[in-house]
C-alpha cells in the first residue's frame, strides 16, 4: 500500500490497467455478487428524493420491488446496499436493446429528471474503499467477470486510477487526486527504471 495524503492506496490501482467493456460483460457487475451496490449514508436521502423519477426508467418488476421493499436493505456487515431482485439484479438496473445492463439512476440523471448521478461505490468500481484503523484504504477488486475490462485496459493503456478518475475526484476532491497523480507518476517511473536492470 502507498500513502497518499490520509489514504492508503493499493499498488494495483496504480499499476493495473482497466477499461470497462460493456459489450463483452453486458454489465455483469449489476447482477453478480453477494449483495447490492454499497450506499453511503448521505446518499440515502438523495436517492429517496429522486426515486420516483428514477423508477420511470425501470422495468415493471423493478418498480414493484421498489414499492414493496424500498431501494435499499442492510447487508451482513450492517451497511446499506441497493435492494436486489430474486436473481441478484440490482433494483436500479435495466437492459438496453443489446441486452446490456445499464443504471436507471444514471439514465434519469442523464435525462435531467434526477439530480443524483449514481452511487459513489459504482462510480469508483473496481476500486473499493474500506477503513483500516485511522486510514481509508483503496483496493482494486479483482473479479473474473471483469477480465474483458482488464484486456481492454491493457490494449488502450488505461490504468485503474485513470479509469475511475472522476469517481475519485467526486469522493476525495481534486487536490487529493492531483496528489495521487504525482505519486503514481513517481511510482511508475521507478518501476520503469527497475525493469531496465
N, C-alpha and C. Protein backbone atom coordinates (compact mmCIF):
# COMPACT_ATOMS: atom_id res chain seq x y z
N UNK A 1 0.85 -1.21 0.00
CA UNK A 1 0.00 0.00 0.00
C UNK A 1 0.89 1.25 0.00
N UNK A 2 0.41 2.28 -0.66
CA UNK A 2 1.13 3.55 -0.75
C UNK A 2 0.28 4.61 -0.05
N UNK A 3 0.91 5.44 0.77
CA UNK A 3 0.18 6.51 1.46
C UNK A 3 0.07 7.72 0.53
N UNK A 4 -1.18 8.13 0.29
CA UNK A 4 -1.45 9.34 -0.49
C UNK A 4 -2.32 10.23 0.38
N UNK A 5 -1.74 11.31 0.91
CA UNK A 5 -2.47 12.13 1.86
C UNK A 5 -2.81 11.31 3.08
N UNK A 6 -4.11 11.21 3.39
CA UNK A 6 -4.55 10.41 4.53
C UNK A 6 -5.20 9.10 4.09
N UNK A 7 -4.87 8.65 2.87
CA UNK A 7 -5.44 7.40 2.34
C UNK A 7 -4.32 6.39 2.08
N UNK A 8 -4.70 5.11 2.17
CA UNK A 8 -3.81 4.03 1.76
C UNK A 8 -4.28 3.53 0.40
N UNK A 9 -3.40 3.52 -0.57
CA UNK A 9 -3.77 3.13 -1.94
C UNK A 9 -2.99 1.89 -2.34
N UNK A 10 -3.71 0.87 -2.78
CA UNK A 10 -3.07 -0.36 -3.26
C UNK A 10 -2.25 -0.06 -4.51
N UNK A 11 -1.08 -0.68 -4.58
CA UNK A 11 -0.24 -0.53 -5.78
C UNK A 11 -0.98 -0.97 -7.04
N UNK A 12 -1.89 -1.93 -6.90
CA UNK A 12 -2.63 -2.42 -8.07
C UNK A 12 -3.42 -1.31 -8.76
N UNK A 13 -3.93 -0.36 -7.97
CA UNK A 13 -4.73 0.74 -8.53
C UNK A 13 -3.87 1.61 -9.44
N UNK A 14 -2.60 1.70 -9.11
CA UNK A 14 -1.66 2.49 -9.91
C UNK A 14 -1.09 1.67 -11.07
N UNK A 15 -0.82 0.39 -10.82
CA UNK A 15 -0.10 -0.43 -11.80
C UNK A 15 -1.01 -1.13 -12.82
N UNK A 16 -2.15 -1.63 -12.37
CA UNK A 16 -3.01 -2.44 -13.25
C UNK A 16 -3.78 -1.57 -14.23
N UNK A 17 -4.19 -2.18 -15.32
CA UNK A 17 -4.95 -1.47 -16.35
C UNK A 17 -6.37 -2.01 -16.42
N UNK A 18 -7.32 -1.10 -16.72
CA UNK A 18 -8.74 -1.45 -16.63
C UNK A 18 -9.56 -0.45 -17.44
N UNK A 19 -10.46 -0.96 -18.26
CA UNK A 19 -11.39 -0.10 -19.02
C UNK A 19 -12.64 -0.92 -19.29
N UNK A 20 -13.76 -0.51 -18.72
CA UNK A 20 -14.99 -1.29 -18.85
C UNK A 20 -15.28 -1.62 -20.32
N UNK A 21 -15.67 -2.89 -20.53
CA UNK A 21 -16.02 -3.36 -21.87
C UNK A 21 -17.43 -3.93 -21.79
N UNK A 22 -18.41 -3.04 -21.83
CA UNK A 22 -19.81 -3.43 -21.62
C UNK A 22 -20.32 -4.38 -22.69
N UNK A 23 -19.80 -4.25 -23.90
CA UNK A 23 -20.24 -5.16 -24.97
C UNK A 23 -19.87 -6.60 -24.64
N UNK A 24 -18.77 -6.79 -23.92
CA UNK A 24 -18.31 -8.14 -23.58
C UNK A 24 -18.96 -8.67 -22.30
N UNK A 25 -19.05 -7.83 -21.27
CA UNK A 25 -19.53 -8.33 -19.96
C UNK A 25 -21.04 -8.13 -19.78
N UNK A 26 -21.65 -7.27 -20.60
CA UNK A 26 -23.10 -6.98 -20.52
C UNK A 26 -23.51 -6.35 -19.18
N UNK A 27 -22.55 -5.71 -18.50
CA UNK A 27 -22.88 -5.07 -17.22
C UNK A 27 -23.08 -6.06 -16.10
N UNK A 28 -22.28 -7.12 -16.11
CA UNK A 28 -22.45 -8.23 -15.14
C UNK A 28 -22.33 -7.80 -13.69
N UNK A 29 -21.61 -6.70 -13.42
CA UNK A 29 -21.43 -6.28 -12.02
C UNK A 29 -22.76 -5.78 -11.42
N UNK A 30 -23.77 -5.54 -12.26
CA UNK A 30 -25.09 -5.12 -11.76
C UNK A 30 -25.95 -6.30 -11.31
N UNK A 31 -25.45 -7.52 -11.55
CA UNK A 31 -26.23 -8.71 -11.20
C UNK A 31 -25.43 -9.70 -10.35
N UNK A 32 -24.10 -9.74 -10.54
CA UNK A 32 -23.27 -10.69 -9.79
C UNK A 32 -22.94 -10.15 -8.40
N UNK A 33 -22.52 -11.03 -7.51
CA UNK A 33 -22.09 -10.60 -6.18
C UNK A 33 -23.01 -11.07 -5.08
N UNK A 34 -22.57 -10.83 -3.85
CA UNK A 34 -23.32 -11.30 -2.68
C UNK A 34 -24.46 -10.37 -2.28
N UNK A 35 -24.37 -9.11 -2.68
CA UNK A 35 -25.39 -8.13 -2.28
C UNK A 35 -25.41 -7.00 -3.30
N UNK A 36 -26.29 -6.04 -3.07
CA UNK A 36 -26.39 -4.90 -3.98
C UNK A 36 -25.21 -3.95 -3.84
N UNK A 37 -25.29 -2.84 -4.55
CA UNK A 37 -24.20 -1.85 -4.52
C UNK A 37 -24.17 -1.15 -3.17
N UNK A 38 -22.98 -1.00 -2.57
CA UNK A 38 -22.87 -0.27 -1.29
C UNK A 38 -23.34 1.17 -1.44
N UNK A 39 -24.06 1.65 -0.43
CA UNK A 39 -24.55 3.03 -0.42
C UNK A 39 -24.01 3.75 0.81
N UNK A 40 -23.54 4.97 0.62
CA UNK A 40 -23.12 5.79 1.75
C UNK A 40 -24.36 6.35 2.43
N UNK A 41 -24.28 6.57 3.74
CA UNK A 41 -25.44 7.06 4.50
C UNK A 41 -25.99 8.35 3.90
N UNK A 42 -25.08 9.24 3.44
CA UNK A 42 -25.54 10.53 2.90
C UNK A 42 -26.20 10.39 1.54
N UNK A 43 -26.05 9.23 0.90
CA UNK A 43 -26.69 9.02 -0.40
C UNK A 43 -28.16 8.61 -0.27
N UNK A 44 -28.53 8.06 0.87
CA UNK A 44 -29.90 7.56 1.04
C UNK A 44 -30.95 8.64 0.85
N UNK A 45 -30.83 9.82 1.50
CA UNK A 45 -31.85 10.86 1.26
C UNK A 45 -31.82 11.40 -0.17
N UNK A 46 -30.63 11.41 -0.80
CA UNK A 46 -30.54 11.91 -2.18
C UNK A 46 -31.27 10.98 -3.15
N UNK A 47 -31.11 9.67 -2.94
CA UNK A 47 -31.82 8.71 -3.80
C UNK A 47 -33.32 8.77 -3.51
N UNK A 48 -33.67 8.84 -2.23
CA UNK A 48 -35.08 8.90 -1.84
C UNK A 48 -35.79 10.08 -2.50
N UNK A 49 -35.10 11.21 -2.57
CA UNK A 49 -35.67 12.43 -3.14
C UNK A 49 -35.93 12.27 -4.65
N UNK A 50 -35.14 11.41 -5.30
CA UNK A 50 -35.22 11.24 -6.76
C UNK A 50 -35.82 9.91 -7.20
N UNK A 51 -36.24 9.09 -6.24
CA UNK A 51 -36.58 7.70 -6.57
C UNK A 51 -37.77 7.58 -7.54
N UNK A 52 -38.70 8.51 -7.48
CA UNK A 52 -39.86 8.44 -8.39
C UNK A 52 -39.45 8.63 -9.84
N UNK A 53 -38.60 9.62 -10.10
CA UNK A 53 -38.15 9.84 -11.48
C UNK A 53 -37.22 8.73 -11.94
N UNK A 54 -36.44 8.16 -11.03
CA UNK A 54 -35.57 7.03 -11.37
C UNK A 54 -36.44 5.82 -11.73
N UNK A 55 -37.50 5.60 -10.97
CA UNK A 55 -38.39 4.45 -11.21
C UNK A 55 -39.00 4.49 -12.61
N UNK A 56 -39.19 5.68 -13.16
CA UNK A 56 -39.75 5.81 -14.51
C UNK A 56 -38.87 5.14 -15.56
N UNK A 57 -37.59 4.95 -15.26
CA UNK A 57 -36.65 4.33 -16.20
C UNK A 57 -36.66 2.80 -16.12
N UNK A 58 -37.29 2.25 -15.09
CA UNK A 58 -37.11 0.83 -14.75
C UNK A 58 -38.21 -0.08 -15.27
N UNK A 59 -37.88 -1.37 -15.46
CA UNK A 59 -38.90 -2.37 -15.81
C UNK A 59 -39.93 -2.52 -14.69
N UNK A 60 -41.08 -3.10 -15.04
CA UNK A 60 -42.19 -3.22 -14.08
C UNK A 60 -41.81 -4.01 -12.83
N UNK A 61 -41.06 -5.10 -13.01
CA UNK A 61 -40.68 -5.94 -11.86
C UNK A 61 -39.83 -5.14 -10.86
N UNK A 62 -38.97 -4.28 -11.38
CA UNK A 62 -38.13 -3.45 -10.51
C UNK A 62 -38.98 -2.43 -9.75
N UNK A 63 -39.96 -1.85 -10.46
CA UNK A 63 -40.85 -0.89 -9.80
C UNK A 63 -41.63 -1.55 -8.67
N UNK A 64 -42.11 -2.77 -8.92
CA UNK A 64 -42.85 -3.50 -7.90
C UNK A 64 -41.99 -3.76 -6.67
N UNK A 65 -40.72 -4.14 -6.90
CA UNK A 65 -39.81 -4.39 -5.78
C UNK A 65 -39.53 -3.10 -5.01
N UNK A 66 -39.37 -1.99 -5.73
CA UNK A 66 -39.16 -0.70 -5.06
C UNK A 66 -40.33 -0.36 -4.15
N UNK A 67 -41.55 -0.57 -4.66
CA UNK A 67 -42.75 -0.26 -3.87
C UNK A 67 -42.89 -1.18 -2.67
N UNK A 68 -42.49 -2.45 -2.86
CA UNK A 68 -42.67 -3.45 -1.81
C UNK A 68 -41.57 -3.39 -0.75
N UNK A 69 -40.31 -3.27 -1.20
CA UNK A 69 -39.17 -3.42 -0.28
C UNK A 69 -38.30 -2.18 -0.12
N UNK A 70 -38.57 -1.14 -0.91
CA UNK A 70 -37.72 0.05 -0.85
C UNK A 70 -36.48 -0.14 -1.70
N UNK A 71 -35.63 0.90 -1.76
CA UNK A 71 -34.49 0.84 -2.67
C UNK A 71 -33.21 0.34 -2.01
N UNK A 72 -33.25 0.17 -0.66
CA UNK A 72 -32.04 -0.36 -0.03
C UNK A 72 -32.39 -1.34 1.08
N UNK A 73 -31.39 -2.17 1.41
CA UNK A 73 -31.51 -3.11 2.53
C UNK A 73 -30.18 -3.08 3.28
N UNK A 74 -30.13 -3.75 4.41
CA UNK A 74 -28.90 -3.78 5.21
C UNK A 74 -28.20 -5.12 5.00
N UNK A 75 -26.91 -5.06 4.64
CA UNK A 75 -26.18 -6.31 4.36
C UNK A 75 -25.66 -6.97 5.64
N UNK A 76 -24.90 -8.05 5.50
CA UNK A 76 -24.42 -8.81 6.66
C UNK A 76 -23.46 -8.00 7.54
N UNK A 77 -22.86 -6.96 6.95
CA UNK A 77 -21.94 -6.11 7.72
C UNK A 77 -22.65 -4.93 8.37
N UNK A 78 -23.99 -4.88 8.21
CA UNK A 78 -24.75 -3.79 8.80
C UNK A 78 -24.72 -2.51 7.99
N UNK A 79 -24.33 -2.62 6.70
CA UNK A 79 -24.22 -1.44 5.83
C UNK A 79 -25.36 -1.42 4.80
N UNK A 80 -25.82 -0.23 4.39
CA UNK A 80 -26.87 -0.17 3.38
C UNK A 80 -26.35 -0.52 1.98
N UNK A 81 -27.12 -1.32 1.27
CA UNK A 81 -26.81 -1.70 -0.12
C UNK A 81 -28.11 -1.63 -0.92
N UNK A 82 -28.01 -1.50 -2.24
CA UNK A 82 -29.23 -1.46 -3.05
C UNK A 82 -29.97 -2.79 -2.96
N UNK A 83 -31.28 -2.72 -2.97
CA UNK A 83 -32.12 -3.92 -2.98
C UNK A 83 -31.90 -4.67 -4.29
N UNK A 84 -32.03 -5.99 -4.24
CA UNK A 84 -31.85 -6.80 -5.46
C UNK A 84 -33.07 -7.66 -5.75
N UNK A 85 -33.31 -7.90 -7.01
CA UNK A 85 -34.34 -8.84 -7.46
C UNK A 85 -33.93 -10.25 -7.07
N UNK A 86 -34.85 -11.22 -7.10
CA UNK A 86 -34.51 -12.61 -6.70
C UNK A 86 -33.31 -13.20 -7.45
N UNK A 87 -33.08 -12.77 -8.70
CA UNK A 87 -31.95 -13.32 -9.47
C UNK A 87 -30.64 -12.58 -9.18
N UNK A 88 -30.68 -11.61 -8.25
CA UNK A 88 -29.48 -10.88 -7.87
C UNK A 88 -29.28 -9.55 -8.58
N UNK A 89 -30.16 -9.24 -9.55
CA UNK A 89 -30.02 -7.99 -10.29
C UNK A 89 -30.35 -6.80 -9.39
N UNK A 90 -29.52 -5.76 -9.45
CA UNK A 90 -29.79 -4.53 -8.71
C UNK A 90 -31.14 -3.97 -9.11
N UNK A 91 -31.89 -3.47 -8.15
CA UNK A 91 -33.23 -2.94 -8.42
C UNK A 91 -33.20 -1.76 -9.40
N UNK A 92 -32.06 -1.10 -9.50
CA UNK A 92 -31.96 0.07 -10.39
C UNK A 92 -31.46 -0.28 -11.79
N UNK A 93 -31.24 -1.57 -12.07
CA UNK A 93 -30.68 -1.96 -13.37
C UNK A 93 -31.78 -2.18 -14.41
N UNK A 94 -31.46 -1.87 -15.66
CA UNK A 94 -32.36 -2.14 -16.77
C UNK A 94 -31.52 -2.60 -17.96
N UNK A 95 -32.12 -3.38 -18.85
CA UNK A 95 -31.39 -3.86 -20.03
C UNK A 95 -31.72 -3.01 -21.25
N UNK A 96 -30.68 -2.67 -22.01
CA UNK A 96 -30.92 -1.94 -23.25
C UNK A 96 -31.20 -2.92 -24.39
N UNK A 97 -31.31 -2.42 -25.61
CA UNK A 97 -31.68 -3.27 -26.76
C UNK A 97 -30.63 -4.33 -27.05
N UNK A 98 -29.39 -4.10 -26.61
CA UNK A 98 -28.31 -5.06 -26.84
C UNK A 98 -28.17 -6.06 -25.69
N UNK A 99 -29.08 -5.95 -24.71
CA UNK A 99 -29.02 -6.86 -23.56
C UNK A 99 -28.00 -6.45 -22.51
N UNK A 100 -27.50 -5.21 -22.61
CA UNK A 100 -26.51 -4.72 -21.64
C UNK A 100 -27.23 -4.06 -20.47
N UNK A 101 -26.84 -4.44 -19.26
CA UNK A 101 -27.43 -3.83 -18.07
C UNK A 101 -26.92 -2.41 -17.90
N UNK A 102 -27.83 -1.48 -17.74
CA UNK A 102 -27.50 -0.08 -17.51
C UNK A 102 -28.10 0.35 -16.17
N UNK A 103 -27.67 1.51 -15.68
CA UNK A 103 -28.15 2.01 -14.40
C UNK A 103 -29.29 3.00 -14.60
N UNK A 104 -30.44 2.70 -14.00
CA UNK A 104 -31.59 3.59 -14.09
C UNK A 104 -31.35 4.93 -13.41
N UNK A 105 -30.54 4.92 -12.37
CA UNK A 105 -30.20 6.18 -11.68
C UNK A 105 -29.45 7.08 -12.65
N UNK A 106 -28.46 6.49 -13.33
CA UNK A 106 -27.64 7.25 -14.27
C UNK A 106 -28.47 7.72 -15.46
N UNK A 107 -29.39 6.88 -15.93
CA UNK A 107 -30.25 7.25 -17.06
C UNK A 107 -31.12 8.45 -16.72
N UNK A 108 -31.72 8.43 -15.51
CA UNK A 108 -32.57 9.55 -15.09
C UNK A 108 -31.74 10.83 -14.96
N UNK A 109 -30.52 10.70 -14.45
CA UNK A 109 -29.64 11.88 -14.32
C UNK A 109 -29.27 12.42 -15.70
N UNK A 110 -28.98 11.50 -16.63
CA UNK A 110 -28.60 11.90 -18.00
C UNK A 110 -29.74 12.67 -18.67
N UNK A 111 -30.99 12.27 -18.38
CA UNK A 111 -32.16 12.93 -18.97
C UNK A 111 -32.56 14.20 -18.22
N UNK A 112 -31.89 14.44 -17.08
CA UNK A 112 -32.18 15.65 -16.31
C UNK A 112 -33.37 15.54 -15.37
N UNK A 113 -33.88 14.31 -15.17
CA UNK A 113 -35.03 14.15 -14.29
C UNK A 113 -34.62 13.81 -12.85
N UNK A 114 -33.33 13.53 -12.63
CA UNK A 114 -32.82 13.23 -11.29
C UNK A 114 -31.54 14.01 -11.05
N UNK A 115 -31.38 14.54 -9.84
CA UNK A 115 -30.19 15.32 -9.50
C UNK A 115 -29.05 14.43 -8.99
N UNK A 116 -29.33 13.12 -8.79
CA UNK A 116 -28.32 12.22 -8.24
C UNK A 116 -27.67 11.42 -9.36
N UNK A 117 -26.34 11.48 -9.46
CA UNK A 117 -25.62 10.85 -10.57
C UNK A 117 -25.67 9.33 -10.51
N UNK A 118 -25.15 8.74 -9.46
CA UNK A 118 -25.17 7.30 -9.20
C UNK A 118 -24.40 7.07 -7.90
N UNK A 119 -24.55 5.90 -7.27
CA UNK A 119 -23.80 5.66 -6.03
C UNK A 119 -22.30 5.79 -6.26
N UNK A 120 -21.61 6.40 -5.31
CA UNK A 120 -20.16 6.58 -5.43
C UNK A 120 -19.47 5.22 -5.56
N UNK A 121 -20.00 4.19 -4.90
CA UNK A 121 -19.37 2.87 -4.97
C UNK A 121 -19.37 2.33 -6.40
N UNK A 122 -20.41 2.66 -7.17
CA UNK A 122 -20.46 2.25 -8.59
C UNK A 122 -19.53 3.12 -9.43
N UNK A 123 -19.49 4.41 -9.10
CA UNK A 123 -18.63 5.35 -9.83
C UNK A 123 -17.15 4.98 -9.66
N UNK A 124 -16.81 4.41 -8.51
CA UNK A 124 -15.42 4.05 -8.20
C UNK A 124 -15.04 2.64 -8.67
N UNK A 125 -16.02 1.82 -9.02
CA UNK A 125 -15.69 0.42 -9.31
C UNK A 125 -14.73 0.31 -10.49
N UNK A 126 -13.65 -0.51 -10.40
CA UNK A 126 -13.39 -1.63 -9.49
C UNK A 126 -12.63 -1.29 -8.21
N UNK A 127 -12.59 -0.01 -7.83
CA UNK A 127 -11.94 0.37 -6.58
C UNK A 127 -12.96 0.27 -5.45
N UNK A 128 -12.55 -0.36 -4.36
CA UNK A 128 -13.38 -0.46 -3.16
C UNK A 128 -12.70 0.28 -2.02
N UNK A 129 -13.48 1.01 -1.23
CA UNK A 129 -12.95 1.80 -0.12
C UNK A 129 -13.38 1.16 1.19
N UNK A 130 -12.41 0.96 2.09
CA UNK A 130 -12.71 0.40 3.42
C UNK A 130 -11.88 1.16 4.46
N UNK A 131 -12.14 0.91 5.71
CA UNK A 131 -11.39 1.57 6.79
C UNK A 131 -10.40 0.62 7.42
N UNK A 132 -9.15 1.08 7.54
CA UNK A 132 -8.11 0.32 8.26
C UNK A 132 -7.55 1.26 9.31
N UNK A 133 -7.99 1.07 10.57
CA UNK A 133 -7.57 1.98 11.64
C UNK A 133 -8.01 3.39 11.33
N UNK A 134 -7.06 4.31 11.33
CA UNK A 134 -7.38 5.72 11.08
C UNK A 134 -7.39 6.06 9.59
N UNK A 135 -7.04 5.10 8.77
CA UNK A 135 -6.94 5.34 7.33
C UNK A 135 -8.15 4.80 6.57
N UNK A 136 -8.46 5.48 5.45
CA UNK A 136 -9.34 4.89 4.44
C UNK A 136 -8.42 4.17 3.46
N UNK A 137 -8.75 2.92 3.16
CA UNK A 137 -7.92 2.11 2.26
C UNK A 137 -8.64 1.90 0.94
N UNK A 138 -7.91 2.10 -0.16
CA UNK A 138 -8.45 1.89 -1.50
C UNK A 138 -7.82 0.65 -2.10
N UNK A 139 -8.65 -0.33 -2.43
CA UNK A 139 -8.17 -1.58 -3.00
C UNK A 139 -8.81 -1.83 -4.36
N UNK A 140 -8.08 -2.55 -5.19
CA UNK A 140 -8.57 -2.94 -6.51
C UNK A 140 -9.27 -4.29 -6.36
N UNK A 141 -10.55 -4.33 -6.72
CA UNK A 141 -11.33 -5.56 -6.59
C UNK A 141 -11.17 -6.42 -7.84
N UNK A 142 -10.40 -7.51 -7.71
CA UNK A 142 -10.20 -8.44 -8.83
C UNK A 142 -11.43 -9.34 -8.95
N UNK A 143 -11.94 -9.50 -10.17
CA UNK A 143 -13.14 -10.29 -10.37
C UNK A 143 -13.12 -10.86 -11.78
N UNK A 144 -13.40 -12.15 -11.91
CA UNK A 144 -13.33 -12.81 -13.22
C UNK A 144 -14.22 -12.13 -14.26
N UNK A 145 -15.40 -11.65 -13.82
CA UNK A 145 -16.33 -11.06 -14.80
C UNK A 145 -15.75 -9.81 -15.45
N UNK A 146 -14.72 -9.23 -14.82
CA UNK A 146 -14.11 -8.02 -15.36
C UNK A 146 -12.87 -8.30 -16.20
N UNK A 147 -12.62 -9.56 -16.53
CA UNK A 147 -11.43 -9.85 -17.35
C UNK A 147 -11.47 -9.13 -18.71
N UNK A 148 -12.67 -8.97 -19.36
CA UNK A 148 -12.70 -8.18 -20.60
C UNK A 148 -12.24 -6.73 -20.38
N UNK A 149 -12.54 -6.18 -19.20
CA UNK A 149 -12.12 -4.81 -18.88
C UNK A 149 -10.61 -4.73 -18.70
N UNK A 150 -10.03 -5.77 -18.13
CA UNK A 150 -8.57 -5.82 -17.98
C UNK A 150 -7.91 -5.91 -19.35
N UNK A 151 -8.48 -6.74 -20.22
CA UNK A 151 -7.93 -6.89 -21.57
C UNK A 151 -8.00 -5.57 -22.34
N UNK A 152 -9.16 -4.89 -22.24
CA UNK A 152 -9.33 -3.62 -22.96
C UNK A 152 -8.43 -2.54 -22.37
N UNK A 153 -8.31 -2.54 -21.05
CA UNK A 153 -7.42 -1.57 -20.39
C UNK A 153 -5.98 -1.74 -20.84
N UNK A 154 -5.55 -3.00 -20.94
CA UNK A 154 -4.19 -3.28 -21.41
C UNK A 154 -4.01 -2.83 -22.86
N UNK A 155 -5.04 -3.07 -23.65
CA UNK A 155 -4.98 -2.70 -25.07
C UNK A 155 -4.92 -1.18 -25.26
N UNK A 156 -5.70 -0.45 -24.45
CA UNK A 156 -5.80 1.00 -24.59
C UNK A 156 -4.81 1.75 -23.69
N UNK A 157 -4.16 1.02 -22.76
CA UNK A 157 -3.19 1.66 -21.87
C UNK A 157 -3.81 2.53 -20.79
N UNK A 158 -5.02 2.16 -20.33
CA UNK A 158 -5.71 2.94 -19.28
C UNK A 158 -5.54 2.24 -17.94
N UNK A 159 -4.96 2.93 -16.98
CA UNK A 159 -4.75 2.35 -15.65
C UNK A 159 -6.00 2.54 -14.78
N UNK A 160 -6.10 1.74 -13.72
CA UNK A 160 -7.29 1.76 -12.87
C UNK A 160 -7.56 3.16 -12.34
N UNK A 161 -6.52 3.84 -11.82
CA UNK A 161 -6.74 5.17 -11.22
C UNK A 161 -7.20 6.19 -12.27
N UNK A 162 -6.83 5.98 -13.53
CA UNK A 162 -7.28 6.87 -14.60
C UNK A 162 -8.73 6.58 -14.95
N UNK A 163 -9.07 5.29 -15.02
CA UNK A 163 -10.45 4.89 -15.36
C UNK A 163 -11.45 5.43 -14.34
N UNK A 164 -11.09 5.40 -13.07
CA UNK A 164 -12.02 5.86 -12.01
C UNK A 164 -11.71 7.29 -11.57
N UNK A 165 -10.97 8.04 -12.39
CA UNK A 165 -10.55 9.38 -12.01
C UNK A 165 -11.68 10.29 -11.56
N UNK A 166 -12.78 10.33 -12.32
CA UNK A 166 -13.91 11.20 -11.96
C UNK A 166 -14.55 10.77 -10.65
N UNK A 167 -14.62 9.45 -10.43
CA UNK A 167 -15.16 8.95 -9.17
C UNK A 167 -14.28 9.31 -7.99
N UNK A 168 -12.96 9.23 -8.17
CA UNK A 168 -12.01 9.59 -7.10
C UNK A 168 -12.09 11.08 -6.79
N UNK A 169 -12.22 11.90 -7.82
CA UNK A 169 -12.36 13.35 -7.60
C UNK A 169 -13.67 13.63 -6.87
N UNK A 170 -14.73 12.95 -7.25
CA UNK A 170 -16.04 13.15 -6.60
C UNK A 170 -15.97 12.75 -5.12
N UNK A 171 -15.25 11.67 -4.83
CA UNK A 171 -15.18 11.15 -3.46
C UNK A 171 -14.19 11.92 -2.59
N UNK A 172 -13.00 12.21 -3.14
CA UNK A 172 -11.92 12.74 -2.32
C UNK A 172 -11.46 14.15 -2.69
N UNK A 173 -11.94 14.68 -3.82
CA UNK A 173 -11.58 16.04 -4.22
C UNK A 173 -10.42 16.09 -5.21
N UNK A 174 -10.36 17.22 -5.94
CA UNK A 174 -9.33 17.41 -6.99
C UNK A 174 -7.93 17.46 -6.40
N UNK A 175 -7.79 18.08 -5.25
CA UNK A 175 -6.46 18.24 -4.65
C UNK A 175 -5.85 16.87 -4.32
N UNK A 176 -6.68 15.99 -3.71
CA UNK A 176 -6.17 14.66 -3.39
C UNK A 176 -5.86 13.87 -4.66
N UNK A 177 -6.70 14.00 -5.67
CA UNK A 177 -6.46 13.27 -6.92
C UNK A 177 -5.17 13.75 -7.60
N UNK A 178 -4.91 15.05 -7.54
CA UNK A 178 -3.66 15.58 -8.09
C UNK A 178 -2.46 14.97 -7.37
N UNK A 179 -2.60 14.83 -6.05
CA UNK A 179 -1.53 14.21 -5.28
C UNK A 179 -1.34 12.75 -5.70
N UNK A 180 -2.46 12.04 -5.94
CA UNK A 180 -2.38 10.65 -6.40
C UNK A 180 -1.67 10.57 -7.75
N UNK A 181 -1.97 11.50 -8.66
CA UNK A 181 -1.33 11.51 -9.97
C UNK A 181 0.19 11.65 -9.85
N UNK A 182 0.61 12.53 -8.95
CA UNK A 182 2.05 12.74 -8.74
C UNK A 182 2.70 11.49 -8.16
N UNK A 183 2.03 10.86 -7.19
CA UNK A 183 2.54 9.63 -6.59
C UNK A 183 2.60 8.52 -7.63
N UNK A 184 1.57 8.42 -8.45
CA UNK A 184 1.51 7.39 -9.49
C UNK A 184 2.63 7.58 -10.50
N UNK A 185 2.85 8.82 -10.90
CA UNK A 185 3.91 9.11 -11.88
C UNK A 185 5.27 8.69 -11.33
N UNK A 186 5.52 9.03 -10.07
CA UNK A 186 6.80 8.67 -9.44
C UNK A 186 6.92 7.15 -9.30
N UNK A 187 5.83 6.51 -8.89
CA UNK A 187 5.84 5.05 -8.69
C UNK A 187 6.07 4.32 -10.01
N UNK A 188 5.37 4.74 -11.05
CA UNK A 188 5.50 4.09 -12.35
C UNK A 188 6.87 4.37 -12.97
N UNK A 189 7.40 5.55 -12.71
CA UNK A 189 8.75 5.88 -13.18
C UNK A 189 9.79 5.00 -12.54
N UNK A 190 9.65 4.75 -11.22
CA UNK A 190 10.56 3.84 -10.51
C UNK A 190 10.47 2.44 -11.08
N UNK A 191 9.21 2.05 -11.40
CA UNK A 191 9.01 0.70 -11.95
C UNK A 191 9.71 0.53 -13.29
N UNK A 192 9.67 1.60 -14.11
CA UNK A 192 10.33 1.55 -15.41
C UNK A 192 11.84 1.41 -15.26
N UNK A 193 12.39 2.16 -14.26
CA UNK A 193 13.84 2.08 -14.02
C UNK A 193 14.24 0.69 -13.55
N UNK A 194 13.41 0.13 -12.66
CA UNK A 194 13.70 -1.21 -12.12
C UNK A 194 13.67 -2.26 -13.23
N UNK A 195 12.77 -2.09 -14.19
CA UNK A 195 12.64 -3.06 -15.26
C UNK A 195 13.82 -3.02 -16.22
N UNK A 196 14.57 -1.91 -16.19
CA UNK A 196 15.70 -1.79 -17.11
C UNK A 196 16.93 -2.54 -16.61
N UNK A 197 16.95 -2.86 -15.31
CA UNK A 197 18.13 -3.53 -14.73
C UNK A 197 17.95 -5.04 -14.74
